[in-house]
Amino acid sequence: MLLADKGYDTDEILRYCMENDIDAVIPPKSNRVVQRHYDRYIYKLRHLVENAFLKLKQWRGVATRYAKSTSAFIGAVTVRCLFLWLKVLA
């Protein structure tokens, strides 16, 4: 499955997806003559994931990757995700 925004709504990308049996969830551009159908529910889920990454990147240690090792970086991301999840639960 390919989840993308309107910027990727080109005939070439859609043709490639059809040829390779890939479900494309790309909303059509407003200037398309024939508006295509896309799964709005799955697209909304993509938006939620994108917003989670934006919130994650607001933390300076994650955005600039100050950690020297991969395990320290993953630990920082995990801690930030815990703080974000606790905000949701509160």
N, C-alpha and C. Protein backbone atom coordinates (compact mmCIF):
# COMPACT_ATOMS: atom_id res chain seq x y z
N MET A 1 0.84 -1.17 0.00
CA MET A 1 0.00 0.00 0.00
C MET A 1 0.89 1.24 0.00
N LEU A 2 0.55 2.19 -0.82
CA LEU A 2 1.27 3.45 -0.89
C LEU A 2 0.37 4.55 -0.34
N LEU A 3 0.81 5.19 0.74
CA LEU A 3 0.09 6.31 1.32
C LEU A 3 0.88 7.57 1.01
N ALA A 4 0.25 8.51 0.34
CA ALA A 4 0.96 9.74 -0.04
C ALA A 4 -0.02 10.90 -0.09
N ASP A 5 0.51 12.11 -0.13
CA ASP A 5 -0.36 13.28 -0.20
C ASP A 5 -0.59 13.68 -1.65
N LYS A 6 -1.30 14.77 -1.85
CA LYS A 6 -1.70 15.20 -3.19
C LYS A 6 -0.52 15.48 -4.12
N GLY A 7 0.62 15.80 -3.56
CA GLY A 7 1.79 16.09 -4.38
C GLY A 7 2.23 14.90 -5.21
N TYR A 8 1.84 13.70 -4.82
CA TYR A 8 2.23 12.49 -5.55
C TYR A 8 1.12 11.98 -6.45
N ASP A 9 0.11 12.78 -6.69
CA ASP A 9 -1.00 12.39 -7.56
C ASP A 9 -0.64 12.63 -9.01
N THR A 10 0.15 11.74 -9.57
CA THR A 10 0.51 11.82 -10.98
C THR A 10 0.09 10.53 -11.67
N ASP A 11 -0.18 10.62 -12.95
CA ASP A 11 -0.58 9.44 -13.71
C ASP A 11 0.53 8.39 -13.72
N GLU A 12 1.77 8.83 -13.76
CA GLU A 12 2.89 7.90 -13.81
C GLU A 12 2.98 7.07 -12.52
N ILE A 13 2.84 7.70 -11.38
CA ILE A 13 2.89 6.98 -10.10
C ILE A 13 1.70 6.04 -9.99
N LEU A 14 0.52 6.50 -10.36
CA LEU A 14 -0.67 5.66 -10.28
C LEU A 14 -0.57 4.46 -11.23
N ARG A 15 -0.01 4.68 -12.41
CA ARG A 15 0.18 3.59 -13.37
C ARG A 15 1.16 2.55 -12.80
N TYR A 16 2.25 3.03 -12.21
CA TYR A 16 3.23 2.13 -11.61
C TYR A 16 2.58 1.29 -10.51
N CYS A 17 1.74 1.91 -9.70
CA CYS A 17 1.06 1.19 -8.63
C CYS A 17 0.13 0.12 -9.19
N MET A 18 -0.59 0.46 -10.23
CA MET A 18 -1.51 -0.50 -10.83
C MET A 18 -0.75 -1.69 -11.42
N GLU A 19 0.36 -1.41 -12.10
CA GLU A 19 1.15 -2.48 -12.72
C GLU A 19 1.76 -3.42 -11.70
N ASN A 20 2.05 -2.92 -10.51
CA ASN A 20 2.71 -3.73 -9.49
C ASN A 20 1.77 -4.14 -8.36
N ASP A 21 0.47 -4.07 -8.58
CA ASP A 21 -0.56 -4.46 -7.60
C ASP A 21 -0.37 -3.78 -6.25
N ILE A 22 -0.13 -2.48 -6.29
CA ILE A 22 0.03 -1.67 -5.08
C ILE A 22 -1.22 -0.81 -4.94
N ASP A 23 -1.85 -0.86 -3.77
CA ASP A 23 -3.01 0.00 -3.51
C ASP A 23 -2.49 1.41 -3.22
N ALA A 24 -2.88 2.37 -4.03
CA ALA A 24 -2.46 3.75 -3.85
C ALA A 24 -3.56 4.53 -3.13
N VAL A 25 -3.21 5.07 -1.97
CA VAL A 25 -4.14 5.93 -1.23
C VAL A 25 -3.58 7.35 -1.33
N ILE A 26 -3.95 7.98 -2.44
CA ILE A 26 -3.48 9.33 -2.74
C ILE A 26 -4.70 10.16 -3.12
N PRO A 27 -5.00 11.21 -2.37
CA PRO A 27 -6.15 12.02 -2.76
C PRO A 27 -5.87 12.74 -4.08
N PRO A 28 -6.89 12.87 -4.92
CA PRO A 28 -6.68 13.54 -6.21
C PRO A 28 -6.50 15.04 -6.05
N LYS A 29 -5.70 15.62 -6.93
CA LYS A 29 -5.55 17.08 -6.94
C LYS A 29 -6.87 17.71 -7.36
N SER A 30 -7.07 18.92 -6.95
CA SER A 30 -8.34 19.59 -7.26
C SER A 30 -8.47 19.93 -8.75
N ASN A 31 -7.35 20.00 -9.47
CA ASN A 31 -7.41 20.36 -10.89
C ASN A 31 -7.54 19.14 -11.80
N ARG A 32 -7.70 17.94 -11.24
CA ARG A 32 -7.91 16.76 -12.07
C ARG A 32 -9.28 16.82 -12.71
N VAL A 33 -9.35 16.47 -13.99
CA VAL A 33 -10.63 16.50 -14.69
C VAL A 33 -11.56 15.44 -14.12
N VAL A 34 -11.05 14.22 -13.95
CA VAL A 34 -11.83 13.13 -13.37
C VAL A 34 -11.28 12.86 -11.97
N GLN A 35 -12.11 13.14 -10.97
CA GLN A 35 -11.69 12.92 -9.59
C GLN A 35 -11.77 11.43 -9.27
N ARG A 36 -10.67 10.86 -8.78
CA ARG A 36 -10.63 9.45 -8.42
C ARG A 36 -11.12 9.24 -7.00
N HIS A 37 -11.48 8.00 -6.71
CA HIS A 37 -11.87 7.62 -5.35
C HIS A 37 -10.61 7.17 -4.60
N TYR A 38 -10.54 7.49 -3.33
CA TYR A 38 -9.47 7.00 -2.46
C TYR A 38 -10.06 6.73 -1.10
N ASP A 39 -9.40 5.91 -0.33
CA ASP A 39 -9.91 5.53 1.00
C ASP A 39 -9.62 6.66 1.99
N ARG A 40 -10.63 7.42 2.32
CA ARG A 40 -10.46 8.58 3.21
C ARG A 40 -10.07 8.16 4.62
N TYR A 41 -10.58 7.03 5.09
CA TYR A 41 -10.27 6.58 6.45
C TYR A 41 -8.78 6.27 6.59
N ILE A 42 -8.23 5.54 5.64
CA ILE A 42 -6.80 5.21 5.70
C ILE A 42 -5.97 6.47 5.55
N TYR A 43 -6.41 7.40 4.72
CA TYR A 43 -5.67 8.65 4.56
C TYR A 43 -5.66 9.45 5.87
N LYS A 44 -6.76 9.43 6.61
CA LYS A 44 -6.80 10.11 7.91
C LYS A 44 -5.82 9.48 8.89
N LEU A 45 -5.69 8.15 8.85
CA LEU A 45 -4.72 7.48 9.71
C LEU A 45 -3.30 7.90 9.34
N ARG A 46 -3.02 8.08 8.06
CA ARG A 46 -1.71 8.54 7.62
C ARG A 46 -1.42 9.92 8.21
N HIS A 47 -2.43 10.75 8.23
CA HIS A 47 -2.28 12.09 8.77
C HIS A 47 -1.96 12.05 10.27
N LEU A 48 -2.57 11.14 11.00
CA LEU A 48 -2.30 10.99 12.42
C LEU A 48 -0.85 10.57 12.67
N VAL A 49 -0.36 9.66 11.86
CA VAL A 49 1.03 9.21 12.00
C VAL A 49 1.98 10.35 11.68
N GLU A 50 1.67 11.10 10.64
CA GLU A 50 2.52 12.24 10.27
C GLU A 50 2.56 13.28 11.40
N ASN A 51 1.41 13.53 12.03
CA ASN A 51 1.37 14.48 13.15
C ASN A 51 2.18 13.97 14.33
N ALA A 52 2.17 12.65 14.55
CA ALA A 52 2.96 12.08 15.65
C ALA A 52 4.46 12.33 15.40
N PHE A 53 4.90 12.18 14.15
CA PHE A 53 6.30 12.46 13.83
C PHE A 53 6.62 13.94 14.01
N LEU A 54 5.69 14.80 13.67
CA LEU A 54 5.92 16.23 13.88
C LEU A 54 6.08 16.56 15.36
N LYS A 55 5.24 15.96 16.20
CA LYS A 55 5.36 16.17 17.65
C LYS A 55 6.68 15.61 18.17
N LEU A 56 7.09 14.48 17.63
CA LEU A 56 8.33 13.86 18.05
C LEU A 56 9.53 14.73 17.69
N LYS A 57 9.48 15.35 16.54
CA LYS A 57 10.60 16.18 16.08
C LYS A 57 10.67 17.52 16.79
N GLN A 58 9.62 17.89 17.52
CA GLN A 58 9.67 19.15 18.26
C GLN A 58 10.64 19.06 19.43
N TRP A 59 10.98 17.87 19.82
CA TRP A 59 11.95 17.68 20.88
C TRP A 59 13.34 17.82 20.27
N ARG A 60 14.11 18.74 20.75
CA ARG A 60 15.39 19.10 20.14
C ARG A 60 16.36 17.93 20.04
N GLY A 61 16.39 17.08 21.07
CA GLY A 61 17.32 15.95 21.07
C GLY A 61 17.03 14.95 19.97
N VAL A 62 15.77 14.82 19.60
CA VAL A 62 15.40 13.90 18.53
C VAL A 62 15.59 14.57 17.17
N ALA A 63 15.20 15.83 17.06
CA ALA A 63 15.27 16.52 15.77
C ALA A 63 16.71 16.68 15.28
N THR A 64 17.64 16.94 16.18
CA THR A 64 19.02 17.17 15.76
C THR A 64 19.90 15.95 15.96
N ARG A 65 19.35 14.92 16.56
CA ARG A 65 20.05 13.65 16.81
C ARG A 65 21.39 13.87 17.50
N TYR A 66 21.29 14.39 18.72
CA TYR A 66 22.48 14.62 19.53
C TYR A 66 23.12 13.32 20.01
N ALA A 67 22.35 12.25 20.09
CA ALA A 67 22.88 10.98 20.59
C ALA A 67 23.95 10.46 19.65
N LYS A 68 25.03 9.96 20.21
CA LYS A 68 26.13 9.46 19.39
C LYS A 68 25.91 8.04 18.91
N SER A 69 25.19 7.25 19.69
CA SER A 69 24.96 5.86 19.28
C SER A 69 23.49 5.64 18.93
N THR A 70 23.26 4.60 18.17
CA THR A 70 21.90 4.28 17.75
C THR A 70 21.03 3.92 18.94
N SER A 71 21.59 3.17 19.88
CA SER A 71 20.79 2.76 21.04
C SER A 71 20.38 3.97 21.89
N ALA A 72 21.26 4.96 22.01
CA ALA A 72 20.91 6.17 22.76
C ALA A 72 19.83 6.96 22.04
N PHE A 73 19.90 7.01 20.72
CA PHE A 73 18.88 7.71 19.94
C PHE A 73 17.53 7.02 20.07
N ILE A 74 17.52 5.69 19.97
CA ILE A 74 16.27 4.94 20.12
C ILE A 74 15.70 5.14 21.52
N GLY A 75 16.58 5.19 22.51
CA GLY A 75 16.12 5.46 23.88
C GLY A 75 15.48 6.83 24.00
N ALA A 76 16.08 7.84 23.36
CA ALA A 76 15.52 9.19 23.40
C ALA A 76 14.16 9.23 22.70
N VAL A 77 14.04 8.56 21.59
CA VAL A 77 12.76 8.51 20.87
C VAL A 77 11.71 7.80 21.72
N THR A 78 12.11 6.73 22.38
CA THR A 78 11.18 5.99 23.24
C THR A 78 10.69 6.85 24.40
N VAL A 79 11.59 7.56 25.02
CA VAL A 79 11.20 8.44 26.13
C VAL A 79 10.24 9.52 25.65
N ARG A 80 10.54 10.12 24.51
CA ARG A 80 9.66 11.16 23.97
C ARG A 80 8.29 10.59 23.63
N CYS A 81 8.26 9.39 23.07
CA CYS A 81 6.97 8.76 22.75
C CYS A 81 6.18 8.48 24.02
N LEU A 82 6.86 8.08 25.08
CA LEU A 82 6.17 7.86 26.35
C LEU A 82 5.54 9.15 26.87
N PHE A 83 6.27 10.25 26.78
CA PHE A 83 5.72 11.54 27.22
C PHE A 83 4.51 11.94 26.37
N LEU A 84 4.60 11.72 25.06
CA LEU A 84 3.46 12.04 24.20
C LEU A 84 2.26 11.16 24.52
N TRP A 85 2.50 9.87 24.77
CA TRP A 85 1.41 8.96 25.08
C TRP A 85 0.77 9.31 26.43
N LEU A 86 1.59 9.68 27.41
CA LEU A 86 1.04 10.08 28.71
C LEU A 86 0.18 11.33 28.59
N LYS A 87 0.53 12.22 27.67
CA LYS A 87 -0.30 13.41 27.43
C LYS A 87 -1.67 13.01 26.88
N VAL A 88 -1.66 12.00 26.01
CA VAL A 88 -2.92 11.54 25.42
C VAL A 88 -3.80 10.91 26.50
N LEU A 89 -3.19 10.15 27.38
CA LEU A 89 -3.96 9.45 28.42
C LEU A 89 -4.49 10.38 29.49
N ALA A 90 -3.82 11.52 29.70
CA ALA A 90 -4.22 12.43 30.78
C ALA A 90 -5.46 13.23 30.45
